Amino acid sequence: MSMQTNIEALIEAARHLTPEDQEKLLHVLLHEPRPSKRQHRITELRGLGKDIWQDVDAQKYVDAERDSWDN
């Protein structure tokens, strides 16, 4: 069953709720936090991409970047 089919089934089911239950459903959807909205910490990025810089001398890289500004 596709996601679109699931959503359509939920919409159809919601149409059969009492007005009070529709109001409750609407309130929950609008005001309660969704589980997928997780806060991330900057420390989760630690080490990301370190393999790319493994064989690069930091000072040589900075010097080359600064030299490129002059051109």
PDB file of N, CA and C in Angstrom:
ATOM      1  N   MET A   1       0.853  -1.178   0.000  1.00  0.00           N
ATOM      2  CA  MET A   1       0.000   0.000   0.000  1.00  0.00           C
ATOM      3  C   MET A   1       0.895   1.236   0.000  1.00  0.00           C
ATOM      4  N   SER A   2       0.649   2.156  -0.897  1.00  0.00           N
ATOM      5  CA  SER A   2       1.488   3.347  -1.005  1.00  0.00           C
ATOM      6  C   SER A   2       1.132   4.372   0.060  1.00  0.00           C
ATOM      7  N   MET A   3       2.050   5.318   0.257  1.00  0.00           N
ATOM      8  CA  MET A   3       1.825   6.385   1.235  1.00  0.00           C
ATOM      9  C   MET A   3       0.588   7.193   0.850  1.00  0.00           C
ATOM     10  N   GLN A   4       0.417   7.456  -0.449  1.00  0.00           N
ATOM     11  CA  GLN A   4      -0.736   8.233  -0.906  1.00  0.00           C
ATOM     12  C   GLN A   4      -2.040   7.503  -0.571  1.00  0.00           C
ATOM     13  N   THR A   5      -2.052   6.199  -0.759  1.00  0.00           N
ATOM     14  CA  THR A   5      -3.244   5.414  -0.441  1.00  0.00           C
ATOM     15  C   THR A   5      -3.539   5.472   1.052  1.00  0.00           C
ATOM     16  N   ASN A   6      -2.478   5.399   1.878  1.00  0.00           N
ATOM     17  CA  ASN A   6      -2.666   5.491   3.329  1.00  0.00           C
ATOM     18  C   ASN A   6      -3.267   6.833   3.712  1.00  0.00           C
ATOM     19  N   ILE A   7      -2.760   7.903   3.136  1.00  0.00           N
ATOM     20  CA  ILE A   7      -3.257   9.237   3.453  1.00  0.00           C
ATOM     21  C   ILE A   7      -4.711   9.379   3.023  1.00  0.00           C
ATOM     22  N   GLU A   8      -5.022   8.893   1.836  1.00  0.00           N
ATOM     23  CA  GLU A   8      -6.401   8.972   1.354  1.00  0.00           C
ATOM     24  C   GLU A   8      -7.338   8.188   2.266  1.00  0.00           C
ATOM     25  N   ALA A   9      -6.884   7.036   2.753  1.00  0.00           N
ATOM     26  CA  ALA A   9      -7.695   6.230   3.666  1.00  0.00           C
ATOM     27  C   ALA A   9      -7.908   6.957   4.991  1.00  0.00           C
ATOM     28  N   LEU A  10      -6.871   7.627   5.472  1.00  0.00           N
ATOM     29  CA  LEU A  10      -7.001   8.394   6.711  1.00  0.00           C
ATOM     30  C   LEU A  10      -7.964   9.562   6.545  1.00  0.00           C
ATOM     31  N   ILE A  11      -7.869  10.243   5.422  1.00  0.00           N
ATOM     32  CA  ILE A  11      -8.780  11.362   5.156  1.00  0.00           C
ATOM     33  C   ILE A  11     -10.223  10.873   5.105  1.00  0.00           C
ATOM     34  N   GLU A  12     -10.425   9.770   4.430  1.00  0.00           N
ATOM     35  CA  GLU A  12     -11.780   9.214   4.332  1.00  0.00           C
ATOM     36  C   GLU A  12     -12.288   8.811   5.711  1.00  0.00           C
ATOM     37  N   ALA A  13     -11.423   8.193   6.521  1.00  0.00           N
ATOM     38  CA  ALA A  13     -11.827   7.796   7.867  1.00  0.00           C
ATOM     39  C   ALA A  13     -12.162   9.029   8.710  1.00  0.00           C
ATOM     40  N   ALA A  14     -11.405  10.094   8.550  1.00  0.00           N
ATOM     41  CA  ALA A  14     -11.636  11.322   9.320  1.00  0.00           C
ATOM     42  C   ALA A  14     -12.979  11.938   8.969  1.00  0.00           C
ATOM     43  N   ARG A  15     -13.421  11.745   7.738  1.00  0.00           N
ATOM     44  CA  ARG A  15     -14.726  12.293   7.323  1.00  0.00           C
ATOM     45  C   ARG A  15     -15.880  11.624   8.069  1.00  0.00           C
ATOM     46  N   HIS A  16     -15.645  10.437   8.588  1.00  0.00           N
ATOM     47  CA  HIS A  16     -16.696   9.692   9.292  1.00  0.00           C
ATOM     48  C   HIS A  16     -16.674   9.930  10.796  1.00  0.00           C
ATOM     49  N   LEU A  17     -15.730  10.737  11.270  1.00  0.00           N
ATOM     50  CA  LEU A  17     -15.677  11.053  12.699  1.00  0.00           C
ATOM     51  C   LEU A  17     -16.757  12.063  13.059  1.00  0.00           C
ATOM     52  N   THR A  18     -17.096  12.073  14.318  1.00  0.00           N
ATOM     53  CA  THR A  18     -18.027  13.101  14.785  1.00  0.00           C
ATOM     54  C   THR A  18     -17.312  14.449  14.710  1.00  0.00           C
ATOM     55  N   PRO A  19     -18.058  15.533  14.661  1.00  0.00           N
ATOM     56  CA  PRO A  19     -17.413  16.852  14.629  1.00  0.00           C
ATOM     57  C   PRO A  19     -16.467  17.069  15.818  1.00  0.00           C
ATOM     58  N   GLU A  20     -16.844  16.546  16.982  1.00  0.00           N
ATOM     59  CA  GLU A  20     -15.987  16.691  18.158  1.00  0.00           C
ATOM     60  C   GLU A  20     -14.666  15.949  17.966  1.00  0.00           C
ATOM     61  N   ASP A  21     -14.753  14.724  17.436  1.00  0.00           N
ATOM     62  CA  ASP A  21     -13.537  13.945  17.202  1.00  0.00           C
ATOM     63  C   ASP A  21     -12.689  14.552  16.077  1.00  0.00           C
ATOM     64  N   GLN A  22     -13.340  15.132  15.082  1.00  0.00           N
ATOM     65  CA  GLN A  22     -12.586  15.826  14.034  1.00  0.00           C
ATOM     66  C   GLN A  22     -11.814  16.999  14.623  1.00  0.00           C
ATOM     67  N   GLU A  23     -12.450  17.708  15.551  1.00  0.00           N
ATOM     68  CA  GLU A  23     -11.799  18.833  16.230  1.00  0.00           C
ATOM     69  C   GLU A  23     -10.597  18.352  17.041  1.00  0.00           C
ATOM     70  N   LYS A  24     -10.747  17.229  17.759  1.00  0.00           N
ATOM     71  CA  LYS A  24      -9.634  16.666  18.525  1.00  0.00           C
ATOM     72  C   LYS A  24      -8.485  16.280  17.603  1.00  0.00           C
ATOM     73  N   LEU A  25      -8.825  15.625  16.489  1.00  0.00           N
ATOM     74  CA  LEU A  25      -7.805  15.210  15.535  1.00  0.00           C
ATOM     75  C   LEU A  25      -7.057  16.418  14.976  1.00  0.00           C
ATOM     76  N   LEU A  26      -7.792  17.430  14.620  1.00  0.00           N
ATOM     77  CA  LEU A  26      -7.196  18.654  14.096  1.00  0.00           C
ATOM     78  C   LEU A  26      -6.258  19.287  15.127  1.00  0.00           C
ATOM     79  N   HIS A  27      -6.693  19.326  16.369  1.00  0.00           N
ATOM     80  CA  HIS A  27      -5.864  19.892  17.429  1.00  0.00           C
ATOM     81  C   HIS A  27      -4.554  19.110  17.578  1.00  0.00           C
ATOM     82  N   VAL A  28      -4.641  17.801  17.589  1.00  0.00           N
ATOM     83  CA  VAL A  28      -3.440  16.963  17.734  1.00  0.00           C
ATOM     84  C   VAL A  28      -2.486  17.193  16.561  1.00  0.00           C
ATOM     85  N   LEU A  29      -3.017  17.228  15.351  1.00  0.00           N
ATOM     86  CA  LEU A  29      -2.169  17.404  14.174  1.00  0.00           C
ATOM     87  C   LEU A  29      -1.496  18.772  14.138  1.00  0.00           C
ATOM     88  N   LEU A  30      -2.175  19.775  14.643  1.00  0.00           N
ATOM     89  CA  LEU A  30      -1.637  21.137  14.597  1.00  0.00           C
ATOM     90  C   LEU A  30      -0.733  21.494  15.771  1.00  0.00           C
ATOM     91  N   HIS A  31      -0.975  20.905  16.941  1.00  0.00           N
ATOM     92  CA  HIS A  31      -0.319  21.404  18.139  1.00  0.00           C
ATOM     93  C   HIS A  31       0.638  20.445  18.825  1.00  0.00           C
ATOM     94  N   GLU A  32       0.525  19.166  18.592  1.00  0.00           N
ATOM     95  CA  GLU A  32       1.429  18.238  19.270  1.00  0.00           C
ATOM     96  C   GLU A  32       2.672  18.021  18.421  1.00  0.00           C
ATOM     97  N   PRO A  33       3.825  17.995  19.070  1.00  0.00           N
ATOM     98  CA  PRO A  33       5.077  17.823  18.312  1.00  0.00           C
ATOM     99  C   PRO A  33       5.134  16.461  17.631  1.00  0.00           C
ATOM    100  N   ARG A  34       5.698  16.466  16.448  1.00  0.00           N
ATOM    101  CA  ARG A  34       5.849  15.218  15.704  1.00  0.00           C
ATOM    102  C   ARG A  34       7.137  14.531  16.135  1.00  0.00           C
ATOM    103  N   PRO A  35       7.141  13.226  16.223  1.00  0.00           N
ATOM    104  CA  PRO A  35       8.333  12.493  16.659  1.00  0.00           C
ATOM    105  C   PRO A  35       9.544  12.728  15.753  1.00  0.00           C
ATOM    106  N   SER A  36       9.322  13.023  14.486  1.00  0.00           N
ATOM    107  CA  SER A  36      10.448  13.185  13.563  1.00  0.00           C
ATOM    108  C   SER A  36      11.163  14.518  13.741  1.00  0.00           C
ATOM    109  N   LYS A  37      10.602  15.437  14.521  1.00  0.00           N
ATOM    110  CA  LYS A  37      11.235  16.737  14.744  1.00  0.00           C
ATOM    111  C   LYS A  37      12.202  16.644  15.915  1.00  0.00           C
ATOM    112  N   ARG A  38      13.281  15.932  15.720  1.00  0.00           N
ATOM    113  CA  ARG A  38      14.283  15.731  16.751  1.00  0.00           C
ATOM    114  C   ARG A  38      15.330  16.821  16.666  1.00  0.00           C
ATOM    115  N   GLN A  39      15.701  17.367  17.796  1.00  0.00           N
ATOM    116  CA  GLN A  39      16.760  18.366  17.837  1.00  0.00           C
ATOM    117  C   GLN A  39      18.106  17.673  17.671  1.00  0.00           C
ATOM    118  N   HIS A  40      18.978  18.272  16.885  1.00  0.00           N
ATOM    119  CA  HIS A  40      20.310  17.717  16.673  1.00  0.00           C
ATOM    120  C   HIS A  40      21.342  18.559  17.413  1.00  0.00           C
ATOM    121  N   ARG A  41      22.427  17.944  17.744  1.00  0.00           N
ATOM    122  CA  ARG A  41      23.525  18.641  18.406  1.00  0.00           C
ATOM    123  C   ARG A  41      24.664  18.788  17.407  1.00  0.00           C
ATOM    124  N   ILE A  42      25.369  19.897  17.486  1.00  0.00           N
ATOM    125  CA  ILE A  42      26.489  20.154  16.593  1.00  0.00           C
ATOM    126  C   ILE A  42      27.563  19.085  16.742  1.00  0.00           C
ATOM    127  N   THR A  43      27.656  18.502  17.912  1.00  0.00           N
ATOM    128  CA  THR A  43      28.683  17.478  18.137  1.00  0.00           C
ATOM    129  C   THR A  43      28.428  16.205  17.332  1.00  0.00           C
ATOM    130  N   GLU A  44      27.231  16.039  16.793  1.00  0.00           N
ATOM    131  CA  GLU A  44      26.941  14.882  15.953  1.00  0.00           C
ATOM    132  C   GLU A  44      27.731  14.932  14.645  1.00  0.00           C
ATOM    133  N   LEU A  45      28.234  16.110  14.301  1.00  0.00           N
ATOM    134  CA  LEU A  45      29.003  16.259  13.066  1.00  0.00           C
ATOM    135  C   LEU A  45      30.486  15.945  13.260  1.00  0.00           C
ATOM    136  N   ARG A  46      30.903  15.713  14.489  1.00  0.00           N
ATOM    137  CA  ARG A  46      32.308  15.457  14.784  1.00  0.00           C
ATOM    138  C   ARG A  46      32.819  14.286  13.940  1.00  0.00           C
ATOM    139  N   GLY A  47      33.925  14.515  13.251  1.00  0.00           N
ATOM    140  CA  GLY A  47      34.564  13.467  12.463  1.00  0.00           C
ATOM    141  C   GLY A  47      33.995  13.290  11.065  1.00  0.00           C
ATOM    142  N   LEU A  48      32.934  13.999  10.751  1.00  0.00           N
ATOM    143  CA  LEU A  48      32.316  13.863   9.441  1.00  0.00           C
ATOM    144  C   LEU A  48      33.257  14.389   8.354  1.00  0.00           C
ATOM    145  N   GLY A  49      33.589  13.574   7.400  1.00  0.00           N
ATOM    146  CA  GLY A  49      34.456  13.980   6.293  1.00  0.00           C
ATOM    147  C   GLY A  49      35.934  13.955   6.614  1.00  0.00           C
ATOM    148  N   LYS A  50      36.312  13.390   7.754  1.00  0.00           N
ATOM    149  CA  LYS A  50      37.726  13.406   8.125  1.00  0.00           C
ATOM    150  C   LYS A  50      38.584  12.637   7.134  1.00  0.00           C
ATOM    151  N   ASP A  51      38.019  11.652   6.466  1.00  0.00           N
ATOM    152  CA  ASP A  51      38.788  10.884   5.485  1.00  0.00           C
ATOM    153  C   ASP A  51      39.180  11.744   4.284  1.00  0.00           C
ATOM    154  N   ILE A  52      38.394  12.771   3.981  1.00  0.00           N
ATOM    155  CA  ILE A  52      38.701  13.654   2.855  1.00  0.00           C
ATOM    156  C   ILE A  52      39.962  14.459   3.136  1.00  0.00           C
ATOM    157  N   TRP A  53      40.162  14.863   4.375  1.00  0.00           N
ATOM    158  CA  TRP A  53      41.280  15.727   4.755  1.00  0.00           C
ATOM    159  C   TRP A  53      42.472  14.951   5.307  1.00  0.00           C
ATOM    160  N   GLN A  54      42.402  13.643   5.309  1.00  0.00           N
ATOM    161  CA  GLN A  54      43.407  12.804   5.950  1.00  0.00           C
ATOM    162  C   GLN A  54      44.834  13.084   5.471  1.00  0.00           C
ATOM    163  N   ASP A  55      45.044  13.248   4.172  1.00  0.00           N
ATOM    164  CA  ASP A  55      46.394  13.428   3.639  1.00  0.00           C
ATOM    165  C   ASP A  55      46.696  14.875   3.271  1.00  0.00           C
ATOM    166  N   VAL A  56      45.945  15.819   3.813  1.00  0.00           N
ATOM    167  CA  VAL A  56      46.132  17.225   3.478  1.00  0.00           C
ATOM    168  C   VAL A  56      46.847  17.928   4.632  1.00  0.00           C
ATOM    169  N   ASP A  57      47.938  18.600   4.308  1.00  0.00           N
ATOM    170  CA  ASP A  57      48.647  19.395   5.307  1.00  0.00           C
ATOM    171  C   ASP A  57      47.866  20.701   5.490  1.00  0.00           C
ATOM    172  N   ALA A  58      47.414  20.956   6.701  1.00  0.00           N
ATOM    173  CA  ALA A  58      46.545  22.098   6.970  1.00  0.00           C
ATOM    174  C   ALA A  58      47.207  23.422   6.616  1.00  0.00           C
ATOM    175  N   GLN A  59      48.467  23.599   6.987  1.00  0.00           N
ATOM    176  CA  GLN A  59      49.140  24.866   6.720  1.00  0.00           C
ATOM    177  C   GLN A  59      49.332  25.094   5.225  1.00  0.00           C
ATOM    178  N   LYS A  60      49.695  24.048   4.499  1.00  0.00           N
ATOM    179  CA  LYS A  60      49.850  24.185   3.038  1.00  0.00           C
ATOM    180  C   LYS A  60      48.518  24.541   2.387  1.00  0.00           C
ATOM    181  N   TYR A  61      47.451  23.949   2.876  1.00  0.00           N
ATOM    182  CA  TYR A  61      46.127  24.235   2.339  1.00  0.00           C
ATOM    183  C   TYR A  61      45.752  25.698   2.574  1.00  0.00           C
ATOM    184  N   VAL A  62      45.965  26.175   3.793  1.00  0.00           N
ATOM    185  CA  VAL A  62      45.631  27.567   4.119  1.00  0.00           C
ATOM    186  C   VAL A  62      46.488  28.523   3.298  1.00  0.00           C
ATOM    187  N   ASP A  63      47.778  28.225   3.173  1.00  0.00           N
ATOM    188  CA  ASP A  63      48.667  29.073   2.380  1.00  0.00           C
ATOM    189  C   ASP A  63      48.213  29.140   0.922  1.00  0.00           C
ATOM    190  N   ALA A  64      47.830  28.008   0.359  1.00  0.00           N
ATOM    191  CA  ALA A  64      47.362  27.972  -1.032  1.00  0.00           C
ATOM    192  C   ALA A  64      46.080  28.778  -1.190  1.00  0.00           C
ATOM    193  N   GLU A  65      45.170  28.677  -0.228  1.00  0.00           N
ATOM    194  CA  GLU A  65      43.932  29.459  -0.281  1.00  0.00           C
ATOM    195  C   GLU A  65      44.223  30.955  -0.226  1.00  0.00           C
ATOM    196  N   ARG A  66      45.121  31.340   0.670  1.00  0.00           N
ATOM    197  CA  ARG A  66      45.468  32.767   0.779  1.00  0.00           C
ATOM    198  C   ARG A  66      46.131  33.280  -0.482  1.00  0.00           C
ATOM    199  N   ASP A  67      46.987  32.450  -1.078  1.00  0.00           N
ATOM    200  CA  ASP A  67      47.636  32.846  -2.333  1.00  0.00           C
ATOM    201  C   ASP A  67      46.605  33.025  -3.443  1.00  0.00           C
ATOM    202  N   SER A  68      45.553  32.249  -3.427  1.00  0.00           N
ATOM    203  CA  SER A  68      44.537  32.345  -4.488  1.00  0.00           C
ATOM    204  C   SER A  68      43.747  33.663  -4.387  1.00  0.00           C
ATOM    205  N   TRP A  69      43.720  34.286  -3.222  1.00  0.00           N
ATOM    206  CA  TRP A  69      43.012  35.549  -3.058  1.00  0.00           C
ATOM    207  C   TRP A  69      43.690  36.676  -3.812  1.00  0.00           C
ATOM    208  N   ASP A  70      44.992  36.544  -3.987  1.00  0.00           N
ATOM    209  CA  ASP A  70      45.755  37.588  -4.646  1.00  0.00           C
ATOM    210  C   ASP A  70      45.518  37.596  -6.161  1.00  0.00           C
ATOM    211  N   ASN A  71      45.037  36.509  -6.699  1.00  0.00           N
ATOM    212  CA  ASN A  71      44.862  36.399  -8.159  1.00  0.00           C
ATOM    213  C   ASN A  71      43.541  36.894  -8.625  1.00  0.00           C
TER     214      ASN A  71
END
